[in-house]
Amino acid sequence: MNVLIGFVSGVISGMGIGGGSILIPALVFFSHASQHQAQAVNLYYFIPTAVVSLIIHFKNRQICAKVSVVMALFGLIGAYFGSSLAVKLSDSFLAKIFAVFLFIVGIMEIINAKKNEG
């Protein structure tokens, strides 16, 4: 099961969609990982999948260096504060925050799809 979870979330990651949206729930439900463990695995998993995806997108000239550097810098700062907060939260509260995040992203995708249809 972990091989399938890794492969599917890798495909999603490579597309730039965010493999964590597949990986984290799959680890919690199918591998019985705690929310903290699943999110930690997701962070560790992200490094090699991001490197491979970055190389391919760089080769295809899909990366705007100016924007990327600014985003990476502030992303690092945000990651420090976010991870410091996450380790202080309970598994259940962290899971609820993640669920709300996925719900909001899903609603936004539905709204954007409807806008693009008409």
N, C-alpha and C. Protein backbone atom coordinates (compact mmCIF):
# COMPACT_ATOMS: atom_id res chain seq x y z
N MET A 1 0.82 -1.20 0.00
CA MET A 1 0.00 0.00 0.00
C MET A 1 0.87 1.26 0.00
N ASN A 2 1.96 1.25 0.77
CA ASN A 2 2.82 2.44 0.83
C ASN A 2 3.46 2.75 -0.53
N VAL A 3 3.72 1.71 -1.33
CA VAL A 3 4.28 1.94 -2.67
C VAL A 3 3.27 2.70 -3.52
N LEU A 4 2.02 2.29 -3.48
CA LEU A 4 0.96 2.96 -4.25
C LEU A 4 0.76 4.39 -3.76
N ILE A 5 0.72 4.58 -2.45
CA ILE A 5 0.58 5.92 -1.88
C ILE A 5 1.73 6.81 -2.34
N GLY A 6 2.95 6.31 -2.26
CA GLY A 6 4.12 7.07 -2.69
C GLY A 6 4.08 7.42 -4.16
N PHE A 7 3.68 6.47 -5.00
CA PHE A 7 3.63 6.70 -6.44
C PHE A 7 2.58 7.75 -6.80
N VAL A 8 1.38 7.59 -6.29
CA VAL A 8 0.28 8.51 -6.63
C VAL A 8 0.60 9.92 -6.15
N SER A 9 1.09 10.04 -4.91
CA SER A 9 1.41 11.38 -4.42
C SER A 9 2.61 11.95 -5.16
N GLY A 10 3.52 11.11 -5.65
CA GLY A 10 4.64 11.58 -6.47
C GLY A 10 4.17 12.15 -7.79
N VAL A 11 3.22 11.48 -8.42
CA VAL A 11 2.65 12.00 -9.68
C VAL A 11 2.00 13.36 -9.44
N ILE A 12 1.22 13.44 -8.38
CA ILE A 12 0.55 14.71 -8.04
C ILE A 12 1.57 15.79 -7.73
N SER A 13 2.62 15.44 -6.99
CA SER A 13 3.68 16.40 -6.66
C SER A 13 4.37 16.89 -7.93
N GLY A 14 4.67 15.98 -8.83
CA GLY A 14 5.35 16.33 -10.07
C GLY A 14 4.54 17.29 -10.92
N MET A 15 3.23 17.21 -10.79
CA MET A 15 2.35 18.12 -11.54
C MET A 15 2.26 19.49 -10.87
N GLY A 16 2.83 19.61 -9.67
CA GLY A 16 2.79 20.88 -8.96
C GLY A 16 1.51 21.11 -8.18
N ILE A 17 0.74 20.07 -8.00
CA ILE A 17 -0.55 20.20 -7.33
C ILE A 17 -0.40 20.10 -5.82
N GLY A 18 0.52 19.34 -5.36
CA GLY A 18 0.72 19.17 -3.92
C GLY A 18 0.42 17.75 -3.51
N GLY A 19 1.43 16.92 -3.53
CA GLY A 19 1.27 15.51 -3.20
C GLY A 19 0.83 15.28 -1.76
N GLY A 20 1.08 16.26 -0.89
CA GLY A 20 0.67 16.13 0.50
C GLY A 20 -0.83 15.99 0.67
N SER A 21 -1.58 16.53 -0.28
CA SER A 21 -3.04 16.41 -0.20
C SER A 21 -3.48 14.96 -0.37
N ILE A 22 -2.64 14.14 -0.97
CA ILE A 22 -2.90 12.70 -1.10
C ILE A 22 -2.13 11.94 -0.02
N LEU A 23 -0.87 12.30 0.15
CA LEU A 23 0.03 11.55 1.02
C LEU A 23 -0.41 11.58 2.49
N ILE A 24 -0.73 12.74 3.01
CA ILE A 24 -1.06 12.84 4.43
C ILE A 24 -2.31 12.05 4.79
N PRO A 25 -3.45 12.25 4.10
CA PRO A 25 -4.62 11.43 4.45
C PRO A 25 -4.39 9.94 4.24
N ALA A 26 -3.65 9.58 3.19
CA ALA A 26 -3.39 8.16 2.93
C ALA A 26 -2.56 7.54 4.05
N LEU A 27 -1.55 8.25 4.53
CA LEU A 27 -0.74 7.73 5.63
C LEU A 27 -1.56 7.59 6.92
N VAL A 28 -2.44 8.55 7.17
CA VAL A 28 -3.27 8.50 8.38
C VAL A 28 -4.27 7.35 8.31
N PHE A 29 -4.96 7.23 7.17
CA PHE A 29 -6.04 6.24 7.06
C PHE A 29 -5.56 4.82 6.75
N PHE A 30 -4.54 4.70 5.91
CA PHE A 30 -4.12 3.37 5.46
C PHE A 30 -2.89 2.83 6.19
N SER A 31 -2.01 3.71 6.63
CA SER A 31 -0.80 3.28 7.33
C SER A 31 -0.90 3.53 8.83
N HIS A 32 -1.99 4.12 9.26
CA HIS A 32 -2.27 4.38 10.67
C HIS A 32 -1.21 5.24 11.34
N ALA A 33 -0.65 6.18 10.59
CA ALA A 33 0.31 7.13 11.16
C ALA A 33 -0.47 8.21 11.90
N SER A 34 0.14 8.80 12.91
CA SER A 34 -0.49 9.94 13.57
C SER A 34 -0.42 11.14 12.62
N GLN A 35 -1.20 12.16 12.89
CA GLN A 35 -1.20 13.35 12.04
C GLN A 35 0.19 13.98 12.01
N HIS A 36 0.84 14.07 13.17
CA HIS A 36 2.20 14.63 13.21
C HIS A 36 3.17 13.79 12.39
N GLN A 37 3.08 12.46 12.50
CA GLN A 37 3.97 11.58 11.73
C GLN A 37 3.73 11.74 10.24
N ALA A 38 2.45 11.78 9.84
CA ALA A 38 2.13 11.90 8.42
C ALA A 38 2.64 13.22 7.85
N GLN A 39 2.48 14.29 8.60
CA GLN A 39 2.94 15.58 8.11
C GLN A 39 4.46 15.65 8.09
N ALA A 40 5.11 14.99 9.03
CA ALA A 40 6.58 14.94 9.02
C ALA A 40 7.09 14.12 7.84
N VAL A 41 6.46 12.97 7.58
CA VAL A 41 6.82 12.16 6.42
C VAL A 41 6.62 12.97 5.14
N ASN A 42 5.53 13.72 5.07
CA ASN A 42 5.25 14.55 3.90
C ASN A 42 6.37 15.55 3.67
N LEU A 43 6.87 16.16 4.73
CA LEU A 43 7.95 17.13 4.59
C LEU A 43 9.23 16.47 4.09
N TYR A 44 9.53 15.31 4.64
CA TYR A 44 10.72 14.56 4.22
C TYR A 44 10.57 14.07 2.78
N TYR A 45 9.40 13.60 2.44
CA TYR A 45 9.07 13.09 1.11
C TYR A 45 9.16 14.21 0.07
N PHE A 46 8.83 15.41 0.48
CA PHE A 46 8.76 16.55 -0.43
C PHE A 46 10.13 16.88 -1.03
N ILE A 47 11.20 16.69 -0.26
CA ILE A 47 12.53 17.11 -0.72
C ILE A 47 12.93 16.43 -2.03
N PRO A 48 12.99 15.09 -2.10
CA PRO A 48 13.42 14.48 -3.37
C PRO A 48 12.41 14.69 -4.51
N THR A 49 11.11 14.67 -4.19
CA THR A 49 10.13 14.86 -5.28
C THR A 49 10.20 16.29 -5.81
N ALA A 50 10.45 17.24 -4.93
CA ALA A 50 10.58 18.63 -5.37
C ALA A 50 11.83 18.82 -6.23
N VAL A 51 12.92 18.18 -5.86
CA VAL A 51 14.17 18.31 -6.62
C VAL A 51 13.97 17.77 -8.05
N VAL A 52 13.38 16.59 -8.16
CA VAL A 52 13.14 16.00 -9.50
C VAL A 52 12.21 16.90 -10.32
N SER A 53 11.12 17.33 -9.71
CA SER A 53 10.17 18.20 -10.41
C SER A 53 10.81 19.52 -10.80
N LEU A 54 11.61 20.07 -9.90
CA LEU A 54 12.29 21.34 -10.17
C LEU A 54 13.23 21.22 -11.37
N ILE A 55 13.98 20.14 -11.44
CA ILE A 55 14.89 19.92 -12.56
C ILE A 55 14.13 19.88 -13.88
N ILE A 56 13.04 19.15 -13.91
CA ILE A 56 12.25 19.03 -15.14
C ILE A 56 11.64 20.37 -15.53
N HIS A 57 11.05 21.07 -14.56
CA HIS A 57 10.45 22.37 -14.87
C HIS A 57 11.51 23.40 -15.25
N PHE A 58 12.69 23.32 -14.65
CA PHE A 58 13.78 24.23 -15.01
C PHE A 58 14.22 23.98 -16.45
N LYS A 59 14.38 22.70 -16.80
CA LYS A 59 14.78 22.35 -18.17
C LYS A 59 13.77 22.83 -19.20
N ASN A 60 12.49 22.88 -18.81
CA ASN A 60 11.43 23.33 -19.71
C ASN A 60 11.16 24.83 -19.59
N ARG A 61 12.03 25.53 -18.89
CA ARG A 61 11.96 26.98 -18.73
C ARG A 61 10.62 27.45 -18.17
N GLN A 62 10.17 26.76 -17.15
CA GLN A 62 8.90 27.10 -16.52
C GLN A 62 9.07 27.88 -15.21
N ILE A 63 10.30 28.20 -14.86
CA ILE A 63 10.57 28.82 -13.57
C ILE A 63 11.01 30.27 -13.75
N CYS A 64 10.33 31.16 -13.06
CA CYS A 64 10.71 32.58 -13.04
C CYS A 64 11.60 32.77 -11.81
N ALA A 65 12.89 32.93 -12.04
CA ALA A 65 13.86 32.99 -10.95
C ALA A 65 13.57 34.13 -9.98
N LYS A 66 13.21 35.29 -10.48
CA LYS A 66 12.97 36.45 -9.64
C LYS A 66 11.84 36.18 -8.63
N VAL A 67 10.76 35.63 -9.11
CA VAL A 67 9.63 35.31 -8.24
C VAL A 67 9.99 34.16 -7.30
N SER A 68 10.68 33.16 -7.82
CA SER A 68 11.02 31.97 -7.04
C SER A 68 11.90 32.29 -5.84
N VAL A 69 12.87 33.18 -6.01
CA VAL A 69 13.78 33.51 -4.92
C VAL A 69 13.01 34.20 -3.78
N VAL A 70 12.16 35.15 -4.13
CA VAL A 70 11.37 35.86 -3.11
C VAL A 70 10.44 34.89 -2.40
N MET A 71 9.75 34.05 -3.17
CA MET A 71 8.83 33.08 -2.58
C MET A 71 9.58 32.11 -1.67
N ALA A 72 10.73 31.64 -2.10
CA ALA A 72 11.52 30.69 -1.29
C ALA A 72 11.98 31.33 0.01
N LEU A 73 12.44 32.55 -0.05
CA LEU A 73 12.92 33.24 1.15
C LEU A 73 11.80 33.37 2.18
N PHE A 74 10.66 33.89 1.76
CA PHE A 74 9.56 34.06 2.69
C PHE A 74 8.91 32.73 3.06
N GLY A 75 9.01 31.75 2.16
CA GLY A 75 8.54 30.41 2.48
C GLY A 75 9.35 29.78 3.60
N LEU A 76 10.66 30.00 3.58
CA LEU A 76 11.52 29.49 4.65
C LEU A 76 11.17 30.12 6.00
N ILE A 77 10.92 31.40 5.98
CA ILE A 77 10.54 32.10 7.22
C ILE A 77 9.20 31.56 7.72
N GLY A 78 8.24 31.44 6.81
CA GLY A 78 6.93 30.89 7.18
C GLY A 78 7.02 29.46 7.66
N ALA A 79 7.88 28.66 7.04
CA ALA A 79 8.05 27.26 7.44
C ALA A 79 8.59 27.16 8.87
N TYR A 80 9.48 28.06 9.22
CA TYR A 80 10.02 28.06 10.58
C TYR A 80 8.89 28.29 11.60
N PHE A 81 8.09 29.31 11.35
CA PHE A 81 7.00 29.63 12.28
C PHE A 81 5.92 28.55 12.26
N GLY A 82 5.60 28.04 11.07
CA GLY A 82 4.58 27.00 10.96
C GLY A 82 4.98 25.71 11.64
N SER A 83 6.22 25.29 11.46
CA SER A 83 6.66 24.04 12.10
C SER A 83 6.78 24.22 13.61
N SER A 84 7.20 25.40 14.05
CA SER A 84 7.26 25.67 15.49
C SER A 84 5.87 25.59 16.11
N LEU A 85 4.87 26.06 15.39
CA LEU A 85 3.49 25.99 15.87
C LEU A 85 2.95 24.57 15.81
N ALA A 86 3.22 23.86 14.73
CA ALA A 86 2.67 22.52 14.53
C ALA A 86 3.08 21.54 15.62
N VAL A 87 4.31 21.62 16.08
CA VAL A 87 4.77 20.68 17.11
C VAL A 87 4.10 20.92 18.46
N LYS A 88 3.49 22.09 18.62
CA LYS A 88 2.80 22.42 19.87
C LYS A 88 1.31 22.03 19.84
N LEU A 89 0.78 21.70 18.66
CA LEU A 89 -0.64 21.40 18.51
C LEU A 89 -0.89 19.90 18.68
N SER A 90 -2.08 19.56 19.11
CA SER A 90 -2.45 18.15 19.24
C SER A 90 -2.68 17.56 17.85
N ASP A 91 -2.59 16.22 17.75
CA ASP A 91 -2.85 15.54 16.49
C ASP A 91 -4.24 15.87 15.96
N SER A 92 -5.24 15.85 16.84
CA SER A 92 -6.62 16.07 16.38
C SER A 92 -6.82 17.49 15.88
N PHE A 93 -6.22 18.47 16.55
CA PHE A 93 -6.36 19.85 16.09
C PHE A 93 -5.62 20.06 14.78
N LEU A 94 -4.45 19.47 14.65
CA LEU A 94 -3.67 19.57 13.41
C LEU A 94 -4.44 18.93 12.26
N ALA A 95 -5.08 17.80 12.52
CA ALA A 95 -5.89 17.13 11.50
C ALA A 95 -7.06 18.01 11.08
N LYS A 96 -7.68 18.68 12.03
CA LYS A 96 -8.81 19.57 11.71
C LYS A 96 -8.36 20.74 10.86
N ILE A 97 -7.22 21.33 11.20
CA ILE A 97 -6.68 22.43 10.40
C ILE A 97 -6.42 21.96 8.96
N PHE A 98 -5.83 20.78 8.82
CA PHE A 98 -5.54 20.23 7.50
C PHE A 98 -6.84 19.96 6.72
N ALA A 99 -7.85 19.44 7.41
CA ALA A 99 -9.14 19.17 6.77
C ALA A 99 -9.79 20.46 6.28
N VAL A 100 -9.75 21.50 7.09
CA VAL A 100 -10.32 22.79 6.69
C VAL A 100 -9.57 23.33 5.48
N PHE A 101 -8.25 23.21 5.50
CA PHE A 101 -7.43 23.65 4.37
C PHE A 101 -7.84 22.93 3.09
N LEU A 102 -7.95 21.60 3.15
CA LEU A 102 -8.34 20.83 1.97
C LEU A 102 -9.75 21.20 1.51
N PHE A 103 -10.66 21.44 2.45
CA PHE A 103 -12.02 21.83 2.11
C PHE A 103 -12.03 23.16 1.36
N ILE A 104 -11.28 24.13 1.88
CA ILE A 104 -11.22 25.45 1.23
C ILE A 104 -10.62 25.34 -0.16
N VAL A 105 -9.54 24.57 -0.30
CA VAL A 105 -8.92 24.38 -1.62
C VAL A 105 -9.92 23.73 -2.57
N GLY A 106 -10.65 22.73 -2.10
CA GLY A 106 -11.66 22.07 -2.93
C GLY A 106 -12.75 23.03 -3.40
N ILE A 107 -13.25 23.86 -2.49
CA ILE A 107 -14.28 24.84 -2.85
C ILE A 107 -13.73 25.83 -3.87
N MET A 108 -12.49 26.28 -3.66
CA MET A 108 -11.88 27.22 -4.61
C MET A 108 -11.74 26.59 -5.99
N GLU A 109 -11.37 25.32 -6.04
CA GLU A 109 -11.25 24.63 -7.33
C GLU A 109 -12.59 24.53 -8.03
N ILE A 110 -13.64 24.24 -7.30
CA ILE A 110 -14.99 24.17 -7.89
C ILE A 110 -15.39 25.53 -8.44
N ILE A 111 -15.16 26.59 -7.67
CA ILE A 111 -15.49 27.95 -8.11
C ILE A 111 -14.71 28.32 -9.36
N ASN A 112 -13.40 28.03 -9.36
CA ASN A 112 -12.57 28.36 -10.54
C ASN A 112 -13.00 27.55 -11.76
N ALA A 113 -13.37 26.30 -11.57
CA ALA A 113 -13.81 25.47 -12.70
C ALA A 113 -15.10 26.04 -13.29
N LYS A 114 -16.01 26.48 -12.44
CA LYS A 114 -17.27 27.05 -12.93
C LYS A 114 -17.02 28.36 -13.66
N LYS A 115 -16.07 29.17 -13.17
CA LYS A 115 -15.73 30.42 -13.86
C LYS A 115 -15.17 30.15 -15.24
N ASN A 116 -14.33 29.11 -15.35
CA ASN A 116 -13.69 28.78 -16.62
C ASN A 116 -14.66 28.14 -17.62
N GLU A 117 -15.75 27.57 -17.12
CA GLU A 117 -16.74 26.96 -18.03
C GLU A 117 -17.53 28.03 -18.78
N GLY A 118 -17.89 29.07 -18.09
CA GLY A 118 -18.81 30.05 -18.68
C GLY A 118 -18.17 31.29 -19.00
